[in-house]
Amino acid sequence: QVQLVESGGGSVQAGGSLRLSCAASGSGRTSSFNPMGWYRQAPGKQRELVAVIISNGSTNYGDSVKGRFTVSTNKIKSMVFLQMNDLKPEDTAVYYCYVRTAGWGTSHWGQGTQVTVSA
C-alpha cells in the first residue's frame, strides 16, 4: 500500500514563497516511484499539472508556473518537493502530490494541501 504525506501548504501574500513536501512510502514493488510530482485543483476547475520529475531528472511544468516553481526530489527518502516563488492569487488551489509506482505503474495521490495567495 502506498502512502503519501504532504506538508507545507498555507496562506501567503502575493509575491511570497512556499515550499511543499511529500513523503512517499510503500513496500515491495510499490516502494519506488517514477515519476513524482504535483497537481492542483482550484474551486470550480479541473485538476491540472503543476510539475513532475522523472528519475533521470527531467521535469515538466504547467505553463502558468514556469519560471516560478521548481520541483525536486530526494530519491533516498522518496520525497518530492515543490518550491513556489512569486506566488500569485491565481495559484490558490489544493495541491496534490502525485506518484506512479515504478513496479506496477499504478498512480497514487496525496490527500491535498491548501495553498491560498492573497492579493
Protein backbone atom coordinates (compact mmCIF):
# COMPACT_ATOMS: atom_id res chain seq x y z
CA GLN A 1 0.00 0.00 0.00
CA VAL A 2 1.32 3.40 -0.98
CA GLN A 3 1.11 6.27 1.46
CA LEU A 4 1.72 9.91 0.63
CA VAL A 5 2.12 12.52 3.35
CA GLU A 6 2.09 16.14 2.29
CA SER A 7 3.13 19.23 4.21
CA GLY A 8 3.94 22.89 3.68
CA GLY A 9 0.70 24.46 2.48
CA GLY A 10 -0.66 27.67 3.95
CA SER A 11 -1.54 31.28 3.28
CA VAL A 12 0.79 33.88 1.84
CA GLN A 13 0.58 37.28 0.21
CA ALA A 14 1.17 37.73 -3.49
CA GLY A 15 4.86 37.71 -4.30
CA GLY A 16 5.64 35.39 -1.42
CA SER A 17 7.02 31.86 -1.37
CA LEU A 18 6.02 28.46 -0.05
CA ARG A 19 7.63 25.03 -0.17
CA LEU A 20 5.58 21.86 -0.35
CA SER A 21 6.91 18.47 0.65
CA CYS A 22 5.58 14.98 0.04
CA ALA A 23 6.94 11.77 1.54
CA ALA A 24 6.02 8.58 -0.29
CA SER A 25 6.25 5.11 1.18
CA GLY A 26 5.35 1.61 0.09
CA SER A 27 6.61 -1.95 0.12
CA GLY A 28 7.89 -4.42 -2.42
CA ARG A 29 7.02 -3.37 -5.94
CA THR A 30 5.36 -0.25 -4.60
CA SER A 31 8.45 1.05 -2.83
CA SER A 32 9.95 3.07 -5.67
CA PHE A 33 8.29 5.81 -7.64
CA ASN A 34 8.68 7.32 -11.06
CA PRO A 35 7.57 9.94 -11.85
CA MET A 36 6.78 12.10 -8.83
CA GLY A 37 5.19 15.50 -8.88
CA TRP A 38 2.35 17.86 -8.12
CA TYR A 39 -1.05 18.72 -9.48
CA ARG A 40 -3.51 21.33 -8.26
CA GLN A 41 -7.23 21.98 -8.33
CA ALA A 42 -8.87 25.34 -7.84
CA PRO A 43 -12.58 25.68 -6.96
CA GLY A 44 -14.75 25.02 -10.00
CA LYS A 45 -11.80 23.98 -12.14
CA GLN A 46 -10.30 20.71 -13.28
CA ARG A 47 -7.18 19.28 -11.70
CA GLU A 48 -4.14 20.46 -13.62
CA LEU A 49 -0.46 19.65 -13.87
CA VAL A 50 1.88 21.80 -11.82
CA ALA A 51 5.16 19.92 -12.18
CA VAL A 52 6.50 16.39 -12.48
CA ILE A 53 10.01 15.00 -12.35
CA ILE A 54 11.23 11.64 -13.63
CA SER A 55 14.12 9.53 -12.42
CA ASN A 56 16.68 10.97 -14.86
CA GLY A 57 15.95 14.46 -13.56
CA SER A 58 13.84 15.64 -16.46
CA THR A 59 11.00 17.93 -15.49
CA ASN A 60 7.74 19.10 -16.97
CA TYR A 61 5.89 22.20 -15.75
CA GLY A 62 2.48 23.66 -16.34
CA ASP A 63 2.70 26.80 -18.47
CA SER A 64 1.37 29.06 -15.73
CA VAL A 65 4.12 28.16 -13.24
CA LYS A 66 7.18 28.01 -15.48
CA GLY A 67 9.98 30.17 -14.15
CA ARG A 68 8.35 30.50 -10.72
CA PHE A 69 8.06 26.94 -9.38
CA THR A 70 10.75 24.29 -9.06
CA VAL A 71 10.18 20.57 -8.49
CA SER A 72 12.88 18.39 -6.95
CA THR A 73 13.28 15.03 -5.26
CA ASN A 74 15.22 13.25 -2.56
CA LYS A 75 15.30 9.77 -4.06
CA ILE A 76 16.80 8.15 -0.98
CA LYS A 77 13.89 9.29 1.13
CA SER A 78 11.30 9.04 -1.70
CA MET A 79 10.35 12.65 -1.25
CA VAL A 80 9.25 15.25 -3.75
CA PHE A 81 9.31 18.98 -3.17
CA LEU A 82 7.75 22.00 -4.81
CA GLN A 83 9.39 25.36 -4.29
CA MET A 84 6.89 28.06 -5.19
CA ASN A 85 8.16 31.61 -5.65
CA ASP A 86 6.47 34.81 -6.75
CA LEU A 87 3.10 33.37 -5.85
CA LYS A 88 0.00 34.91 -7.41
CA PRO A 89 -3.65 34.85 -6.31
CA GLU A 90 -4.40 32.55 -9.25
CA ASP A 91 -2.10 29.96 -7.69
CA THR A 92 -4.69 29.48 -4.95
CA ALA A 93 -5.74 25.82 -5.03
CA VAL A 94 -5.49 22.49 -3.32
CA TYR A 95 -2.16 20.97 -4.27
CA TYR A 96 -1.92 17.19 -4.61
CA CYS A 97 1.21 15.10 -4.50
CA TYR A 98 1.31 12.52 -7.30
CA VAL A 99 3.44 9.42 -7.75
CA ARG A 100 3.42 6.40 -10.01
CA THR A 101 4.92 3.20 -8.73
CA ALA A 102 7.90 2.04 -10.77
CA GLY A 103 6.99 -1.62 -10.27
CA TRP A 104 3.27 -1.79 -11.09
CA GLY A 105 2.80 1.54 -12.83
CA THR A 106 -0.11 2.48 -10.57
CA SER A 107 -0.91 6.12 -9.83
CA HIS A 108 -1.43 7.49 -6.34
CA TRP A 109 -2.50 10.82 -4.91
CA GLY A 110 -1.92 12.59 -1.63
CA GLN A 111 -4.74 13.99 0.47
CA GLY A 112 -4.10 17.52 -0.76
CA THR A 113 -2.79 20.64 0.93
CA GLN A 114 -4.37 24.07 0.62
CA VAL A 115 -2.37 26.98 -0.76
CA THR A 116 -4.02 30.39 -0.52
CA VAL A 117 -2.45 33.51 -2.03
CA SER A 118 -3.96 36.87 -1.20
CA ALA A 119 -3.58 39.99 -3.30
